[in-house]
């Protein structure tokens, strides 16, 4: 199965749920922006999708601020703000799906985004993700009563 078919399979799985807001996270330091964007792109072939990349750095902070319509200090301040909660709740009415690319789960703020999400997708990176870290992230997500919609094995 090629990668394009994998994303179609993920899209089909998401479409069979009632989930509207999905967070994409990894238990290691590797970035997930490309995978998150591909999932968003696959869903947007049939649906109205908003992609939020919360794994910000100086290069994409302005893009996120433009999408949100307001400025913020740090990503931790943003995730903890009422403004982001308000923004996501408003956009739930306008979009079929909201895909949130999170920072690595090695940063605590990636779990704070769970308050916005209906489910999570975990990205396991070949030669990067340790089984122990994956199990810890899975347990943390389970402890917050957030369903895991899927696990992506990234080679």
C-alpha atoms as a PDB file:
ATOM      1  CA  UNK A   1       0.000   0.000   0.000  1.00  0.00           C
ATOM      2  CA  UNK A   2       1.462   3.382  -0.975  1.00  0.00           C
ATOM      3  CA  UNK A   3       1.391   6.464   1.269  1.00  0.00           C
ATOM      4  CA  UNK A   4      -1.483   8.085  -0.645  1.00  0.00           C
ATOM      5  CA  UNK A   5      -3.619   5.009   0.013  1.00  0.00           C
ATOM      6  CA  UNK A   6      -2.643   5.113   3.689  1.00  0.00           C
ATOM      7  CA  UNK A   7      -3.973   8.658   4.004  1.00  0.00           C
ATOM      8  CA  UNK A   8      -7.190   7.630   2.257  1.00  0.00           C
ATOM      9  CA  UNK A   9      -7.507   4.790   4.772  1.00  0.00           C
ATOM     10  CA  UNK A  10      -7.016   7.225   7.661  1.00  0.00           C
ATOM     11  CA  UNK A  11      -9.568   9.577   6.096  1.00  0.00           C
ATOM     12  CA  UNK A  12     -12.081   6.735   5.814  1.00  0.00           C
ATOM     13  CA  UNK A  13     -11.559   5.821   9.452  1.00  0.00           C
ATOM     14  CA  UNK A  14     -12.058   9.426  10.571  1.00  0.00           C
ATOM     15  CA  UNK A  15     -15.166   9.789   8.401  1.00  0.00           C
ATOM     16  CA  UNK A  16     -16.772   6.831  10.202  1.00  0.00           C
ATOM     17  CA  UNK A  17     -16.575   8.663  13.536  1.00  0.00           C
ATOM     18  CA  UNK A  18     -18.291  11.678  15.059  1.00  0.00           C
ATOM     19  CA  UNK A  19     -14.929  13.305  15.769  1.00  0.00           C
ATOM     20  CA  UNK A  20     -14.606  16.889  14.557  1.00  0.00           C
ATOM     21  CA  UNK A  21     -11.387  18.025  16.251  1.00  0.00           C
ATOM     22  CA  UNK A  22      -8.396  15.698  15.982  1.00  0.00           C
ATOM     23  CA  UNK A  23      -4.968  16.210  17.526  1.00  0.00           C
ATOM     24  CA  UNK A  24      -1.898  14.637  15.985  1.00  0.00           C
ATOM     25  CA  UNK A  25       0.994  13.933  18.323  1.00  0.00           C
ATOM     26  CA  UNK A  26       4.187  11.914  18.597  1.00  0.00           C
ATOM     27  CA  UNK A  27       6.025  10.673  21.687  1.00  0.00           C
ATOM     28  CA  UNK A  28       9.433  11.642  20.284  1.00  0.00           C
ATOM     29  CA  UNK A  29      11.200  14.784  19.060  1.00  0.00           C
ATOM     30  CA  UNK A  30      10.457  14.295  15.373  1.00  0.00           C
ATOM     31  CA  UNK A  31       8.066  16.817  13.795  1.00  0.00           C
ATOM     32  CA  UNK A  32       4.637  15.688  12.572  1.00  0.00           C
ATOM     33  CA  UNK A  33       3.666  18.753  10.509  1.00  0.00           C
ATOM     34  CA  UNK A  34       3.996  16.991   7.131  1.00  0.00           C
ATOM     35  CA  UNK A  35       1.927  14.002   8.210  1.00  0.00           C
ATOM     36  CA  UNK A  36      -0.702  16.206   9.833  1.00  0.00           C
ATOM     37  CA  UNK A  37      -0.926  18.323   6.692  1.00  0.00           C
ATOM     38  CA  UNK A  38      -1.326  15.229   4.498  1.00  0.00           C
ATOM     39  CA  UNK A  39      -4.173  13.966   6.685  1.00  0.00           C
ATOM     40  CA  UNK A  40      -5.778  17.406   6.478  1.00  0.00           C
ATOM     41  CA  UNK A  41      -5.314  17.498   2.686  1.00  0.00           C
ATOM     42  CA  UNK A  42      -6.833  14.035   2.311  1.00  0.00           C
ATOM     43  CA  UNK A  43      -9.888  15.017   4.356  1.00  0.00           C
ATOM     44  CA  UNK A  44     -10.253  18.292   2.455  1.00  0.00           C
ATOM     45  CA  UNK A  45     -10.865  16.365  -0.779  1.00  0.00           C
ATOM     46  CA  UNK A  46     -14.387  15.722   0.533  1.00  0.00           C
ATOM     47  CA  UNK A  47     -14.811  18.059   3.503  1.00  0.00           C
ATOM     48  CA  UNK A  48     -14.203  21.561   4.764  1.00  0.00           C
ATOM     49  CA  UNK A  49     -11.081  21.271   6.960  1.00  0.00           C
ATOM     50  CA  UNK A  50      -9.176  23.740   9.118  1.00  0.00           C
ATOM     51  CA  UNK A  51      -5.524  22.877   9.753  1.00  0.00           C
ATOM     52  CA  UNK A  52      -3.884  24.389  12.842  1.00  0.00           C
ATOM     53  CA  UNK A  53      -0.148  23.872  13.239  1.00  0.00           C
ATOM     54  CA  UNK A  54       0.551  24.444  16.941  1.00  0.00           C
ATOM     55  CA  UNK A  55       4.125  23.195  16.599  1.00  0.00           C
ATOM     56  CA  UNK A  56       5.222  26.792  16.072  1.00  0.00           C
ATOM     57  CA  UNK A  57       8.601  28.343  15.621  1.00  0.00           C
ATOM     58  CA  UNK A  58       9.647  31.754  14.328  1.00  0.00           C
ATOM     59  CA  UNK A  59       9.001  30.661  10.725  1.00  0.00           C
ATOM     60  CA  UNK A  60       5.326  29.760  11.100  1.00  0.00           C
ATOM     61  CA  UNK A  61       4.187  31.795  14.140  1.00  0.00           C
ATOM     62  CA  UNK A  62       2.954  34.645  11.903  1.00  0.00           C
ATOM     63  CA  UNK A  63       0.988  32.177   9.767  1.00  0.00           C
ATOM     64  CA  UNK A  64      -0.755  30.807  12.853  1.00  0.00           C
ATOM     65  CA  UNK A  65      -1.464  34.302  14.186  1.00  0.00           C
ATOM     66  CA  UNK A  66      -2.985  35.222  10.802  1.00  0.00           C
ATOM     67  CA  UNK A  67      -5.174  32.113  10.852  1.00  0.00           C
ATOM     68  CA  UNK A  68      -6.304  32.786  14.425  1.00  0.00           C
ATOM     69  CA  UNK A  69      -6.795  36.512  13.887  1.00  0.00           C
ATOM     70  CA  UNK A  70      -4.879  37.460  17.030  1.00  0.00           C
ATOM     71  CA  UNK A  71      -1.316  37.564  18.334  1.00  0.00           C
ATOM     72  CA  UNK A  72       0.027  35.490  21.216  1.00  0.00           C
ATOM     73  CA  UNK A  73       3.221  35.275  23.268  1.00  0.00           C
ATOM     74  CA  UNK A  74       4.354  31.683  23.640  1.00  0.00           C
ATOM     75  CA  UNK A  75       2.615  28.527  22.454  1.00  0.00           C
ATOM     76  CA  UNK A  76       1.965  27.611  26.102  1.00  0.00           C
ATOM     77  CA  UNK A  77       0.172  30.947  26.602  1.00  0.00           C
ATOM     78  CA  UNK A  78      -1.875  30.327  23.459  1.00  0.00           C
ATOM     79  CA  UNK A  79      -2.932  26.797  24.409  1.00  0.00           C
ATOM     80  CA  UNK A  80      -3.882  27.988  27.879  1.00  0.00           C
ATOM     81  CA  UNK A  81      -5.888  30.946  26.560  1.00  0.00           C
ATOM     82  CA  UNK A  82      -9.625  31.347  26.434  1.00  0.00           C
ATOM     83  CA  UNK A  83      -9.195  32.958  23.009  1.00  0.00           C
ATOM     84  CA  UNK A  84      -8.041  29.676  21.448  1.00  0.00           C
ATOM     85  CA  UNK A  85     -10.918  27.750  23.025  1.00  0.00           C
ATOM     86  CA  UNK A  86     -13.342  30.378  21.734  1.00  0.00           C
ATOM     87  CA  UNK A  87     -11.740  30.250  18.268  1.00  0.00           C
ATOM     88  CA  UNK A  88     -11.971  26.444  18.023  1.00  0.00           C
ATOM     89  CA  UNK A  89     -15.571  26.375  19.261  1.00  0.00           C
ATOM     90  CA  UNK A  90     -16.521  28.988  16.668  1.00  0.00           C
ATOM     91  CA  UNK A  91     -14.728  27.118  13.865  1.00  0.00           C
ATOM     92  CA  UNK A  92     -16.432  23.809  14.782  1.00  0.00           C
ATOM     93  CA  UNK A  93     -19.601  25.370  13.381  1.00  0.00           C
ATOM     94  CA  UNK A  94     -17.894  26.370  10.124  1.00  0.00           C
ATOM     95  CA  UNK A  95     -15.742  23.295   9.379  1.00  0.00           C
ATOM     96  CA  UNK A  96     -16.354  19.581   9.129  1.00  0.00           C
ATOM     97  CA  UNK A  97     -12.986  18.842  10.738  1.00  0.00           C
ATOM     98  CA  UNK A  98     -10.258  20.683  12.595  1.00  0.00           C
ATOM     99  CA  UNK A  99      -6.839  19.028  12.482  1.00  0.00           C
ATOM    100  CA  UNK A 100      -4.419  20.186  15.181  1.00  0.00           C
ATOM    101  CA  UNK A 101      -0.758  19.427  14.699  1.00  0.00           C
ATOM    102  CA  UNK A 102       0.765  19.402  18.174  1.00  0.00           C
ATOM    103  CA  UNK A 103       4.263  19.733  19.480  1.00  0.00           C
ATOM    104  CA  UNK A 104       5.932  16.519  20.509  1.00  0.00           C
ATOM    105  CA  UNK A 105       4.451  14.885  23.585  1.00  0.00           C
ATOM    106  CA  UNK A 106       7.804  15.368  25.303  1.00  0.00           C
ATOM    107  CA  UNK A 107       6.427  18.880  25.931  1.00  0.00           C
ATOM    108  CA  UNK A 108       3.570  18.942  28.438  1.00  0.00           C
ATOM    109  CA  UNK A 109       1.601  21.513  26.433  1.00  0.00           C
ATOM    110  CA  UNK A 110       0.878  18.903  23.746  1.00  0.00           C
ATOM    111  CA  UNK A 111      -1.383  17.142  26.243  1.00  0.00           C
ATOM    112  CA  UNK A 112      -3.077  20.429  27.189  1.00  0.00           C
ATOM    113  CA  UNK A 113      -4.534  20.609  23.668  1.00  0.00           C
ATOM    114  CA  UNK A 114      -6.662  17.592  24.577  1.00  0.00           C
ATOM    115  CA  UNK A 115      -9.223  19.959  26.076  1.00  0.00           C
ATOM    116  CA  UNK A 116     -10.039  21.054  22.505  1.00  0.00           C
ATOM    117  CA  UNK A 117      -9.990  17.616  20.870  1.00  0.00           C
ATOM    118  CA  UNK A 118     -12.438  14.793  20.325  1.00  0.00           C
ATOM    119  CA  UNK A 119      -9.677  12.262  19.588  1.00  0.00           C
ATOM    120  CA  UNK A 120      -5.956  11.890  18.924  1.00  0.00           C
ATOM    121  CA  UNK A 121      -3.854  10.280  16.245  1.00  0.00           C
ATOM    122  CA  UNK A 122      -0.406   9.152  17.364  1.00  0.00           C
ATOM    123  CA  UNK A 123       2.537   9.151  14.961  1.00  0.00           C
ATOM    124  CA  UNK A 124       5.164   6.492  15.666  1.00  0.00           C
ATOM    125  CA  UNK A 125       8.439   7.279  13.906  1.00  0.00           C
ATOM    126  CA  UNK A 126      10.642   4.399  12.804  1.00  0.00           C
ATOM    127  CA  UNK A 127      14.035   4.443  14.556  1.00  0.00           C
ATOM    128  CA  UNK A 128      12.931   7.385  16.752  1.00  0.00           C
ATOM    129  CA  UNK A 129       9.950   6.366  18.861  1.00  0.00           C
ATOM    130  CA  UNK A 130      10.707   4.166  21.843  1.00  0.00           C
ATOM    131  CA  UNK A 131       8.062   1.651  22.874  1.00  0.00           C
ATOM    132  CA  UNK A 132       8.147   2.981  26.451  1.00  0.00           C
ATOM    133  CA  UNK A 133       7.449   6.537  25.233  1.00  0.00           C
ATOM    134  CA  UNK A 134       4.607   5.343  23.014  1.00  0.00           C
ATOM    135  CA  UNK A 135       3.060   3.407  25.905  1.00  0.00           C
ATOM    136  CA  UNK A 136       3.398   6.420  28.230  1.00  0.00           C
ATOM    137  CA  UNK A 137       1.726   8.744  25.706  1.00  0.00           C
ATOM    138  CA  UNK A 138      -1.052   6.211  25.083  1.00  0.00           C
ATOM    139  CA  UNK A 139      -1.671   5.914  28.814  1.00  0.00           C
ATOM    140  CA  UNK A 140      -1.644   9.705  29.287  1.00  0.00           C
ATOM    141  CA  UNK A 141      -4.229  10.082  26.523  1.00  0.00           C
ATOM    142  CA  UNK A 142      -6.319   7.269  27.998  1.00  0.00           C
ATOM    143  CA  UNK A 143      -6.138   8.871  31.456  1.00  0.00           C
ATOM    144  CA  UNK A 144      -7.682  12.022  29.964  1.00  0.00           C
ATOM    145  CA  UNK A 145     -10.522   9.965  28.417  1.00  0.00           C
ATOM    146  CA  UNK A 146      -9.552  10.990  24.901  1.00  0.00           C
ATOM    147  CA  UNK A 147      -9.991   8.225  22.336  1.00  0.00           C
ATOM    148  CA  UNK A 148      -7.098   7.313  20.070  1.00  0.00           C
ATOM    149  CA  UNK A 149      -8.475   7.409  16.541  1.00  0.00           C
ATOM    150  CA  UNK A 150      -5.421   5.785  15.027  1.00  0.00           C
ATOM    151  CA  UNK A 151      -1.693   5.180  15.069  1.00  0.00           C
ATOM    152  CA  UNK A 152       0.449   6.038  12.062  1.00  0.00           C
ATOM    153  CA  UNK A 153       3.734   4.215  11.565  1.00  0.00           C
ATOM    154  CA  UNK A 154       6.063   6.662   9.821  1.00  0.00           C
ATOM    155  CA  UNK A 155       9.079   5.164   8.056  1.00  0.00           C
END
